[in-house]
Amino acid sequence: MRVYEELFILKPDAADEEVDQVVEQLSGVILSGGGAVDKVDKWGVRKLAYRIQKRQEGHYVLIQFSANPASVKEIERRLRVSDIVLKFLTVRIDEDLKRAAKRKKQREARAARKPAPPAPAPEQPFAVPGAPAPEGEKE
């Protein structure tokens, strides 16, 4: 199993029921392939960076899931033939997660090797040589 992120943009005039239907369809493909859906984020309608099919806005949806490559191929095929989908992007993120975990472990090991900072010494008043001692203190 590998971890993926699927970001797709739907037509902005798509109803919430249609968006939910697309998400459910993709989740069904993932689950039937033995995968698991980790997270579904619906970002809502946002302005596009450039026009796609004469549209300036799109409904963004991000799904993070674990699946095998065959399931990903089927998801991409379904998104490609769907009329409601403007664009989609699939990114394999398990390598990035491994790298981040490795960096975190290295940082923790480095922090464990570093000696603890010395405890601050209690503050003592500054004594000037030859100056009279403050009241209550005798030399």
C-alpha atoms as a PDB file:
ATOM      1  CA  MET A   1       0.000   0.000   0.000  1.00  0.00           C
ATOM      2  CA  ARG A   2       1.167   3.485  -0.849  1.00  0.00           C
ATOM      3  CA  VAL A   3      -0.136   6.821   0.379  1.00  0.00           C
ATOM      4  CA  TYR A   4      -1.533   9.254  -2.205  1.00  0.00           C
ATOM      5  CA  GLU A   5      -3.190  12.648  -2.401  1.00  0.00           C
ATOM      6  CA  GLU A   6      -5.782  13.247  -5.096  1.00  0.00           C
ATOM      7  CA  LEU A   7      -6.696  16.864  -5.774  1.00  0.00           C
ATOM      8  CA  PHE A   8      -9.432  17.447  -8.303  1.00  0.00           C
ATOM      9  CA  ILE A   9     -11.353  20.480  -9.484  1.00  0.00           C
ATOM     10  CA  LEU A  10     -15.029  20.177 -10.338  1.00  0.00           C
ATOM     11  CA  LYS A  11     -17.248  22.591 -12.236  1.00  0.00           C
ATOM     12  CA  PRO A  12     -18.235  25.502  -9.957  1.00  0.00           C
ATOM     13  CA  ASP A  13     -21.953  25.114 -10.679  1.00  0.00           C
ATOM     14  CA  ALA A  14     -21.916  21.507  -9.396  1.00  0.00           C
ATOM     15  CA  ALA A  15     -24.355  20.941  -6.533  1.00  0.00           C
ATOM     16  CA  ASP A  16     -23.088  19.617  -3.202  1.00  0.00           C
ATOM     17  CA  GLU A  17     -24.896  16.333  -3.907  1.00  0.00           C
ATOM     18  CA  GLU A  18     -22.885  15.903  -7.120  1.00  0.00           C
ATOM     19  CA  VAL A  19     -19.629  16.640  -5.294  1.00  0.00           C
ATOM     20  CA  ASP A  20     -20.528  14.122  -2.585  1.00  0.00           C
ATOM     21  CA  GLN A  21     -21.424  11.569  -5.269  1.00  0.00           C
ATOM     22  CA  VAL A  22     -18.000  11.906  -6.934  1.00  0.00           C
ATOM     23  CA  VAL A  23     -16.240  11.596  -3.556  1.00  0.00           C
ATOM     24  CA  GLU A  24     -18.322   8.521  -2.656  1.00  0.00           C
ATOM     25  CA  GLN A  25     -17.589   6.928  -6.034  1.00  0.00           C
ATOM     26  CA  LEU A  26     -13.841   7.424  -5.601  1.00  0.00           C
ATOM     27  CA  SER A  27     -13.984   6.202  -2.001  1.00  0.00           C
ATOM     28  CA  GLY A  28     -15.779   3.074  -3.221  1.00  0.00           C
ATOM     29  CA  VAL A  29     -13.015   2.379  -5.741  1.00  0.00           C
ATOM     30  CA  ILE A  30     -10.374   2.826  -3.045  1.00  0.00           C
ATOM     31  CA  LEU A  31     -12.152   0.592  -0.515  1.00  0.00           C
ATOM     32  CA  SER A  32     -12.946  -2.130  -3.074  1.00  0.00           C
ATOM     33  CA  GLY A  33      -9.250  -2.256  -3.983  1.00  0.00           C
ATOM     34  CA  GLY A  34      -8.309  -2.912  -0.355  1.00  0.00           C
ATOM     35  CA  GLY A  35      -7.260   0.655   0.408  1.00  0.00           C
ATOM     36  CA  ALA A  36      -8.334   3.165   3.024  1.00  0.00           C
ATOM     37  CA  VAL A  37      -9.481   6.782   2.812  1.00  0.00           C
ATOM     38  CA  ASP A  38      -7.540   8.828   5.368  1.00  0.00           C
ATOM     39  CA  LYS A  39      -8.922  12.318   4.822  1.00  0.00           C
ATOM     40  CA  VAL A  40     -11.406  14.163   2.609  1.00  0.00           C
ATOM     41  CA  ASP A  41     -11.163  17.978   2.431  1.00  0.00           C
ATOM     42  CA  LYS A  42     -13.717  19.953   0.471  1.00  0.00           C
ATOM     43  CA  TRP A  43     -12.189  23.377  -0.080  1.00  0.00           C
ATOM     44  CA  GLY A  44     -15.241  24.802  -1.793  1.00  0.00           C
ATOM     45  CA  VAL A  45     -15.391  27.086  -4.816  1.00  0.00           C
ATOM     46  CA  ARG A  46     -12.160  29.004  -5.448  1.00  0.00           C
ATOM     47  CA  LYS A  47     -10.749  31.141  -8.204  1.00  0.00           C
ATOM     48  CA  LEU A  48      -8.578  29.269 -10.693  1.00  0.00           C
ATOM     49  CA  ALA A  49      -5.058  30.401 -11.556  1.00  0.00           C
ATOM     50  CA  TYR A  50      -6.018  30.336 -15.246  1.00  0.00           C
ATOM     51  CA  ARG A  51      -9.155  29.657 -17.262  1.00  0.00           C
ATOM     52  CA  ILE A  52     -10.118  26.020 -17.762  1.00  0.00           C
ATOM     53  CA  GLN A  53     -12.908  25.245 -20.237  1.00  0.00           C
ATOM     54  CA  LYS A  54     -13.944  28.919 -20.189  1.00  0.00           C
ATOM     55  CA  ARG A  55     -14.366  28.865 -16.395  1.00  0.00           C
ATOM     56  CA  GLN A  56     -12.596  31.039 -13.857  1.00  0.00           C
ATOM     57  CA  GLU A  57     -13.698  29.195 -10.704  1.00  0.00           C
ATOM     58  CA  GLY A  58     -13.766  25.588  -9.614  1.00  0.00           C
ATOM     59  CA  HIS A  59     -14.865  23.418  -6.705  1.00  0.00           C
ATOM     60  CA  TYR A  60     -11.698  21.961  -5.120  1.00  0.00           C
ATOM     61  CA  VAL A  61     -11.637  18.584  -3.322  1.00  0.00           C
ATOM     62  CA  LEU A  62      -8.606  16.869  -1.753  1.00  0.00           C
ATOM     63  CA  ILE A  63      -8.588  13.185  -0.795  1.00  0.00           C
ATOM     64  CA  GLN A  64      -5.711  11.517   1.046  1.00  0.00           C
ATOM     65  CA  PHE A  65      -5.775   7.729   0.850  1.00  0.00           C
ATOM     66  CA  SER A  66      -3.765   4.522   0.954  1.00  0.00           C
ATOM     67  CA  ALA A  67      -4.145   2.204  -2.022  1.00  0.00           C
ATOM     68  CA  ASN A  68      -2.336   0.047  -4.527  1.00  0.00           C
ATOM     69  CA  PRO A  69      -1.298   1.444  -7.941  1.00  0.00           C
ATOM     70  CA  ALA A  70      -4.098  -0.399  -9.770  1.00  0.00           C
ATOM     71  CA  SER A  71      -6.724   1.475  -7.719  1.00  0.00           C
ATOM     72  CA  VAL A  72      -5.042   4.785  -8.512  1.00  0.00           C
ATOM     73  CA  LYS A  73      -5.135   3.958 -12.202  1.00  0.00           C
ATOM     74  CA  GLU A  74      -8.889   3.259 -11.970  1.00  0.00           C
ATOM     75  CA  ILE A  75      -9.507   6.502 -10.026  1.00  0.00           C
ATOM     76  CA  GLU A  76      -7.667   8.523 -12.671  1.00  0.00           C
ATOM     77  CA  ARG A  77      -9.607   6.787 -15.451  1.00  0.00           C
ATOM     78  CA  ARG A  78     -12.924   7.652 -13.793  1.00  0.00           C
ATOM     79  CA  LEU A  79     -11.901  11.279 -13.269  1.00  0.00           C
ATOM     80  CA  ARG A  80     -10.749  11.536 -16.885  1.00  0.00           C
ATOM     81  CA  VAL A  81     -14.107  10.406 -18.326  1.00  0.00           C
ATOM     82  CA  SER A  82     -16.291  12.378 -15.901  1.00  0.00           C
ATOM     83  CA  ASP A  83     -17.910  15.491 -17.393  1.00  0.00           C
ATOM     84  CA  ILE A  84     -18.025  17.333 -14.070  1.00  0.00           C
ATOM     85  CA  VAL A  85     -14.225  17.159 -13.499  1.00  0.00           C
ATOM     86  CA  LEU A  86     -12.138  20.027 -14.890  1.00  0.00           C
ATOM     87  CA  LYS A  87      -8.668  18.938 -13.712  1.00  0.00           C
ATOM     88  CA  PHE A  88      -7.115  16.408 -11.349  1.00  0.00           C
ATOM     89  CA  LEU A  89      -3.699  15.650  -9.900  1.00  0.00           C
ATOM     90  CA  THR A  90      -2.488  12.517  -8.124  1.00  0.00           C
ATOM     91  CA  VAL A  91       0.627  12.700  -5.948  1.00  0.00           C
ATOM     92  CA  ARG A  92       2.319   9.863  -4.121  1.00  0.00           C
ATOM     93  CA  ILE A  93       3.249  11.229  -0.704  1.00  0.00           C
ATOM     94  CA  ASP A  94       4.513   8.185   1.225  1.00  0.00           C
ATOM     95  CA  GLU A  95       8.102   8.973   0.235  1.00  0.00           C
ATOM     96  CA  ASP A  96       7.683  12.535   1.541  1.00  0.00           C
ATOM     97  CA  LEU A  97       6.191  11.244   4.800  1.00  0.00           C
ATOM     98  CA  LYS A  98       9.138   8.855   5.216  1.00  0.00           C
ATOM     99  CA  ARG A  99      11.613  11.689   4.604  1.00  0.00           C
ATOM    100  CA  ALA A 100       9.851  13.939   7.119  1.00  0.00           C
ATOM    101  CA  ALA A 101       9.840  11.180   9.758  1.00  0.00           C
ATOM    102  CA  LYS A 102      13.547  10.524   9.145  1.00  0.00           C
ATOM    103  CA  ARG A 103      14.379  14.242   9.510  1.00  0.00           C
ATOM    104  CA  LYS A 104      12.358  14.426  12.720  1.00  0.00           C
ATOM    105  CA  LYS A 105      14.203  11.413  14.140  1.00  0.00           C
ATOM    106  CA  GLN A 106      17.569  12.977  13.246  1.00  0.00           C
ATOM    107  CA  ARG A 107      16.581  16.254  14.918  1.00  0.00           C
ATOM    108  CA  GLU A 108      15.511  14.422  18.072  1.00  0.00           C
ATOM    109  CA  ALA A 109      18.772  12.422  18.161  1.00  0.00           C
ATOM    110  CA  ARG A 110      20.793  15.610  17.725  1.00  0.00           C
ATOM    111  CA  ALA A 111      18.822  17.303  20.514  1.00  0.00           C
ATOM    112  CA  ALA A 112      19.421  14.313  22.817  1.00  0.00           C
ATOM    113  CA  ARG A 113      23.197  14.497  22.208  1.00  0.00           C
ATOM    114  CA  LYS A 114      23.354  18.213  22.899  1.00  0.00           C
ATOM    115  CA  PRO A 115      24.194  18.953  26.561  1.00  0.00           C
ATOM    116  CA  ALA A 116      21.504  20.664  28.575  1.00  0.00           C
ATOM    117  CA  PRO A 117      22.070  24.399  29.049  1.00  0.00           C
ATOM    118  CA  PRO A 118      23.577  25.260  32.463  1.00  0.00           C
ATOM    119  CA  ALA A 119      21.155  26.421  35.118  1.00  0.00           C
ATOM    120  CA  PRO A 120      21.261  30.191  35.605  1.00  0.00           C
ATOM    121  CA  ALA A 121      23.231  31.263  38.675  1.00  0.00           C
ATOM    122  CA  PRO A 122      21.326  33.167  41.347  1.00  0.00           C
ATOM    123  CA  GLU A 123      21.639  36.899  40.822  1.00  0.00           C
ATOM    124  CA  GLN A 124      24.102  38.663  43.064  1.00  0.00           C
ATOM    125  CA  PRO A 125      24.413  42.409  43.327  1.00  0.00           C
ATOM    126  CA  PHE A 126      27.324  43.908  41.481  1.00  0.00           C
ATOM    127  CA  ALA A 127      30.076  44.925  43.904  1.00  0.00           C
ATOM    128  CA  VAL A 128      32.434  47.735  42.990  1.00  0.00           C
ATOM    129  CA  PRO A 129      35.882  47.376  44.583  1.00  0.00           C
ATOM    130  CA  GLY A 130      36.510  50.109  47.119  1.00  0.00           C
ATOM    131  CA  ALA A 131      32.854  51.094  47.333  1.00  0.00           C
ATOM    132  CA  PRO A 132      31.056  50.861  50.660  1.00  0.00           C
ATOM    133  CA  ALA A 133      29.021  47.686  51.107  1.00  0.00           C
ATOM    134  CA  PRO A 134      25.252  48.106  51.085  1.00  0.00           C
ATOM    135  CA  GLU A 135      23.483  48.054  54.423  1.00  0.00           C
ATOM    136  CA  GLY A 136      23.147  44.639  55.953  1.00  0.00           C
ATOM    137  CA  GLU A 137      26.203  43.265  54.155  1.00  0.00           C
ATOM    138  CA  LYS A 138      29.639  43.264  55.729  1.00  0.00           C
ATOM    139  CA  GLU A 139      32.831  42.208  54.075  1.00  0.00           C
END
